[in-house]
Protein backbone atom coordinates (compact mmCIF):
# COMPACT_ATOMS: atom_id res chain seq x y z
CA MET A 1 0.00 0.00 0.00
CA ASN A 2 1.48 3.36 -1.02
CA VAL A 3 1.70 6.46 1.11
CA GLN A 4 -1.34 8.11 -0.52
CA ASN A 5 -3.54 5.10 0.24
CA ILE A 6 -2.34 4.97 3.84
CA VAL A 7 -3.12 8.66 4.33
CA ALA A 8 -6.54 8.27 2.69
CA LYS A 9 -7.41 5.30 4.90
CA SER A 10 -6.33 7.18 8.03
CA LEU A 11 -8.47 10.16 7.11
CA LEU A 12 -11.49 7.93 6.45
CA THR A 13 -11.05 6.19 9.80
CA ALA A 14 -10.88 9.52 11.62
CA LEU A 15 -13.98 10.85 9.85
CA LEU A 16 -16.00 7.72 10.64
CA ALA A 17 -14.93 7.85 14.27
CA MET A 18 -16.00 11.48 14.50
CA SER A 19 -19.38 10.50 13.04
CA GLY A 20 -19.99 7.91 15.73
CA PHE A 21 -19.11 4.79 13.75
CA CYS A 22 -17.04 2.04 15.29
CA PHE A 23 -15.27 -0.94 13.79
CA SER A 24 -16.09 -3.38 16.62
CA ALA A 25 -17.70 -6.54 15.30
CA GLN A 26 -19.59 -7.12 18.56
CA ALA A 27 -22.23 -5.05 20.31
CA ALA A 28 -21.66 -4.05 23.92
CA GLU A 29 -22.72 -6.61 26.50
CA PRO A 30 -25.87 -5.63 28.44
CA LYS A 31 -25.35 -4.67 32.05
CA LYS A 32 -25.87 -7.54 34.47
CA ILE A 33 -28.13 -7.21 37.51
CA VAL A 34 -28.78 -9.77 40.22
CA VAL A 35 -32.19 -9.41 41.90
CA TYR A 36 -32.73 -11.21 45.20
CA GLY A 37 -36.42 -11.73 45.84
CA ASP A 38 -37.37 -11.62 42.16
CA THR A 39 -40.61 -13.53 42.77
CA GLY A 40 -41.81 -11.04 45.38
CA ARG A 41 -44.08 -8.08 44.70
CA ILE A 42 -41.40 -5.40 44.48
CA GLY A 43 -38.69 -7.67 43.10
CA ALA A 44 -40.88 -8.80 40.21
CA GLN A 45 -41.53 -5.21 39.15
CA ILE A 46 -37.83 -4.42 39.32
CA VAL A 47 -37.05 -7.40 37.09
CA GLN A 48 -39.58 -6.26 34.49
CA GLU A 49 -38.27 -2.69 34.50
CA ALA A 50 -34.68 -3.86 34.10
CA LEU A 51 -35.56 -6.23 31.26
CA SER A 52 -37.50 -3.47 29.48
CA ARG A 53 -34.26 -1.45 29.40
CA GLY A 54 -32.22 -4.31 27.96
CA TYR A 55 -30.46 -5.50 31.10
CA SER A 56 -29.36 -9.07 31.67
CA VAL A 57 -31.09 -10.15 34.88
CA THR A 58 -30.48 -13.05 37.22
CA GLY A 59 -33.38 -13.62 39.60
CA VAL A 60 -32.47 -15.28 42.88
CA SER A 61 -34.96 -16.93 45.22
CA ARG A 62 -35.32 -20.00 47.40
CA ASP A 63 -37.67 -21.52 44.82
CA PRO A 64 -36.85 -20.39 41.25
CA GLN A 65 -39.70 -22.49 39.88
CA LYS A 66 -42.07 -19.80 41.14
CA SER A 67 -40.71 -17.39 38.56
CA THR A 68 -43.00 -16.76 35.60
CA VAL A 69 -40.67 -14.49 33.62
CA LYS A 70 -40.16 -15.49 30.00
CA ASN A 71 -37.32 -13.48 28.54
CA SER A 72 -34.05 -14.50 26.91
CA ASN A 73 -32.19 -12.00 29.10
CA PHE A 74 -33.54 -13.51 32.33
CA THR A 75 -32.29 -16.47 34.36
CA ALA A 76 -33.90 -17.77 37.55
CA ILE A 77 -31.64 -19.54 40.04
CA LYS A 78 -31.77 -20.78 43.62
CA GLY A 79 -29.87 -18.76 46.18
CA ASP A 80 -29.90 -17.19 49.63
CA ALA A 81 -29.42 -13.47 50.32
CA THR A 82 -28.43 -14.26 53.91
CA ASP A 83 -25.65 -16.73 53.02
CA VAL A 84 -22.20 -15.23 52.38
CA ASP A 85 -20.87 -18.12 50.28
CA SER A 86 -24.06 -18.25 48.19
CA ILE A 87 -23.76 -14.51 47.49
CA LYS A 88 -20.11 -14.76 46.48
CA SER A 89 -20.82 -17.51 43.96
CA THR A 90 -23.87 -15.75 42.53
CA VAL A 91 -22.84 -12.12 42.00
CA VAL A 92 -19.50 -12.55 40.23
CA GLY A 93 -19.52 -10.40 37.10
CA ALA A 94 -22.62 -8.45 38.10
CA ASP A 95 -22.75 -4.68 37.79
CA ALA A 96 -25.30 -4.30 40.59
CA ILE A 97 -27.22 -6.34 43.13
CA ILE A 98 -30.76 -5.52 44.18
CA VAL A 99 -32.07 -6.99 47.42
CA SER A 100 -35.83 -7.13 47.90
CA VAL A 101 -36.43 -9.61 50.70
CA ALA A 102 -38.50 -9.68 53.88
CA GLY A 103 -39.35 -11.93 56.79
CA THR A 104 -38.49 -12.68 60.40
CA LEU A 105 -37.28 -15.61 62.46
CA PRO A 106 -39.64 -17.09 65.10
CA ASP A 107 -38.19 -14.76 67.76
CA ASN A 108 -39.32 -11.70 65.74
CA LYS A 109 -36.23 -9.79 66.81
CA PRO A 110 -35.31 -6.92 64.43
CA GLU A 111 -31.64 -7.91 64.40
CA ASN A 112 -32.69 -11.34 63.10
CA ALA A 113 -35.05 -10.05 60.42
CA THR A 114 -34.28 -11.25 56.91
CA THR A 115 -33.54 -7.68 55.84
CA ASN A 116 -30.77 -7.26 58.41
CA ARG A 117 -29.33 -10.73 57.96
CA ALA A 118 -29.19 -10.05 54.21
CA ALA A 119 -27.46 -6.72 54.82
CA GLN A 120 -24.91 -8.38 57.09
CA ALA A 121 -24.23 -11.11 54.53
CA MET A 122 -23.89 -8.60 51.70
CA VAL A 123 -21.41 -6.52 53.69
CA LYS A 124 -19.27 -9.59 54.40
CA ALA A 125 -19.47 -11.04 50.89
CA LEU A 126 -18.89 -7.81 48.99
CA GLY A 127 -16.27 -6.61 51.43
CA ALA A 128 -14.29 -9.78 50.74
CA MET A 129 -14.51 -9.13 46.98
CA GLY A 130 -12.73 -5.79 47.29
CA ASP A 131 -12.57 -3.52 44.26
CA HIS A 132 -14.28 -6.12 42.08
CA ALA A 133 -17.45 -6.11 44.17
CA PRO A 134 -20.66 -4.83 42.54
CA ARG A 135 -22.73 -2.21 44.35
CA VAL A 136 -25.81 -3.29 46.28
CA ILE A 137 -29.20 -1.58 46.42
CA GLN A 138 -31.56 -2.85 49.12
CA ILE A 139 -35.26 -2.09 49.43
CA GLY A 140 -35.88 -0.64 52.88
CA GLY A 141 -38.92 0.53 54.81
CA ALA A 142 -40.73 3.86 54.66
CA THR A 143 -40.62 4.29 58.43
CA THR A 144 -36.81 4.33 58.45
CA MET A 145 -36.99 7.85 57.02
CA HIS A 146 -37.62 8.83 60.63
CA ASP A 147 -34.07 7.62 61.25
CA THR A 148 -34.16 6.55 64.91
CA LYS A 149 -36.10 3.90 66.81
CA GLU A 150 -37.74 6.55 68.99
CA ALA A 151 -38.87 8.60 65.99
CA MET A 152 -40.12 5.49 64.22
CA LEU A 153 -42.22 4.49 67.24
CA LYS A 154 -43.94 7.89 67.12
CA HIS A 155 -44.78 7.55 63.44
CA LEU A 156 -45.78 3.92 62.95
CA PRO A 157 -48.59 3.75 60.36
CA PHE A 158 -50.25 0.84 62.18
CA PRO A 159 -49.89 -1.05 65.48
CA ALA A 160 -46.69 -3.08 65.79
CA PRO A 161 -46.26 -4.19 69.40
CA GLU A 162 -42.79 -5.28 70.43
CA GLY A 163 -42.35 -9.00 69.89
CA SER A 164 -44.74 -9.13 66.92
CA ALA A 165 -43.70 -10.12 63.40
CA MET A 166 -44.58 -6.63 62.16
CA TYR A 167 -42.34 -5.06 64.81
CA GLY A 168 -39.50 -7.35 63.74
CA MET A 169 -39.90 -6.45 60.08
CA LEU A 170 -40.26 -2.69 60.57
CA PHE A 171 -37.31 -2.32 62.88
CA GLY A 172 -35.37 -4.94 60.93
CA HIS A 173 -35.21 -2.35 58.15
CA LEU A 174 -33.58 0.09 60.59
CA GLU A 175 -31.09 -2.56 61.67
CA ALA A 176 -30.24 -3.22 58.02
CA LEU A 177 -29.75 0.47 57.31
CA ASN A 178 -27.39 0.80 60.24
CA THR A 179 -25.52 -2.32 59.14
CA TYR A 180 -24.84 -0.71 55.77
CA ARG A 181 -23.93 2.63 57.32
CA ALA A 182 -21.22 0.95 59.36
CA SER A 183 -19.71 -0.72 56.27
CA ASN A 184 -17.25 0.33 53.57
CA ILE A 185 -19.02 -1.25 50.59
CA LYS A 186 -20.98 0.61 47.93
CA TRP A 187 -24.55 0.45 49.16
CA THR A 188 -27.84 2.25 48.70
CA VAL A 189 -31.10 1.75 50.60
CA VAL A 190 -34.33 2.75 48.85
CA ALA A 191 -37.23 3.50 51.20
CA PRO A 192 -40.58 3.35 49.40
CA ALA A 193 -43.41 5.75 50.13
CA GLU A 194 -45.85 4.85 52.91
CA ASN A 195 -48.42 3.61 50.41
CA ILE A 196 -47.62 1.66 47.24
CA LEU A 197 -50.46 1.95 44.72
CA GLY A 198 -51.78 -0.28 41.95
CA SER A 199 -51.34 -3.96 41.23
CA PRO A 200 -47.88 -5.45 41.84
CA LYS A 201 -48.53 -7.90 38.99
CA GLY A 202 -49.11 -5.28 36.32
CA ALA A 203 -47.26 -2.33 34.84
CA ASP A 204 -50.15 0.01 35.59
CA GLY A 205 -49.29 3.40 36.97
CA ARG A 206 -45.89 3.71 35.32
CA SER A 207 -45.34 7.41 34.77
CA GLY A 208 -41.56 7.41 35.11
CA LYS A 209 -41.92 10.48 37.32
CA TYR A 210 -41.22 10.72 41.02
CA ARG A 211 -39.44 12.87 43.58
CA THR A 212 -36.68 11.87 45.96
CA SER A 213 -35.43 12.90 49.38
CA THR A 214 -32.73 11.77 51.78
CA THR A 215 -34.29 13.41 54.82
CA GLU A 216 -38.07 12.94 54.81
CA LEU A 217 -40.91 11.07 53.12
CA MET A 218 -42.18 12.72 49.97
CA ARG A 219 -45.80 13.86 50.25
CA ASP A 220 -48.23 15.28 47.70
CA THR A 221 -50.36 18.40 48.19
CA ALA A 222 -52.88 16.33 50.13
CA GLY A 223 -50.18 15.17 52.52
CA LYS A 224 -50.15 11.60 51.23
CA SER A 225 -46.95 9.61 50.75
CA THR A 226 -47.52 7.40 47.70
CA ILE A 227 -45.80 5.71 44.77
CA THR A 228 -46.91 2.99 42.36
CA TRP A 229 -45.20 -0.38 42.18
CA SER A 230 -44.03 0.44 38.66
CA ASP A 231 -42.57 3.85 39.48
CA LEU A 232 -40.80 2.42 42.52
CA ALA A 233 -39.12 -0.02 40.13
CA VAL A 234 -38.28 2.85 37.78
CA ALA A 235 -36.57 4.69 40.64
CA VAL A 236 -34.53 1.61 41.56
CA ILE A 237 -33.24 1.02 38.04
CA ASP A 238 -32.62 4.75 37.59
CA GLU A 239 -30.38 4.53 40.65
CA VAL A 240 -28.55 1.57 39.11
CA GLU A 241 -27.85 3.75 36.08
CA ASN A 242 -27.15 7.08 37.73
CA GLY A 243 -25.58 6.23 41.10
CA LYS A 244 -26.82 9.40 42.77
CA PHE A 245 -27.22 7.92 46.23
CA ILE A 246 -24.20 5.69 46.84
CA ARG A 247 -23.72 5.07 50.57
CA GLN A 248 -27.02 6.83 51.26
CA ARG A 249 -30.65 6.07 52.01
CA PHE A 250 -33.27 7.83 49.93
CA THR A 251 -37.02 7.70 49.48
CA VAL A 252 -39.27 8.11 46.44
CA GLY A 253 -42.79 9.49 46.14
CA TYR A 254 -44.99 11.86 44.22
């Protein structure tokens, strides 16, 4: 090839690059998300939102046969969000982990709630992975926007006597938040509004619009704290993409 041809080819390459063309033979791999609790009400909506944006999603639950998702970018597997070794073997190569789990042990103690045990396991597993660890986003509770146990007790939306399963779950969210706050991993806790509207099985109510706060529940002009299932999922995947609240808790509402 003579000098003129070399120069011409170089100029063509530069022009194509400036125009946005690329010579890669392969398209970019879709981002990979692991969703713990994918068969639950919130988890299922998050899976659908992620798939609608082209993500590769691995749904993790104790019984993957309960999953009804039919999508080539989705895989359902068995796993445990409270088991360090299970987490390590599941999240390798993921860009983000979303934890949407709930439950209590028979003692109903907040520190033993599934939410806190999952947070503890995530901190240990991801901490051991170092710089290669994906970030984790966990679904929290609306009442944790009151920040302390005393403030939460004053603003409980319904009775939750100490020792009850509801008490364990509500204050388990606070335990989980504090577990993350004491860690060095990349975490985010998303606290939904007080009331989640619409059907968790449908995509109804998806506006793609919401407001956020790191200090108080978002309320509309009537004083109500609400969000739809679909828009909650939108907010979660938006956070995966934008990373605005790393090492923070935030809430979403209208």
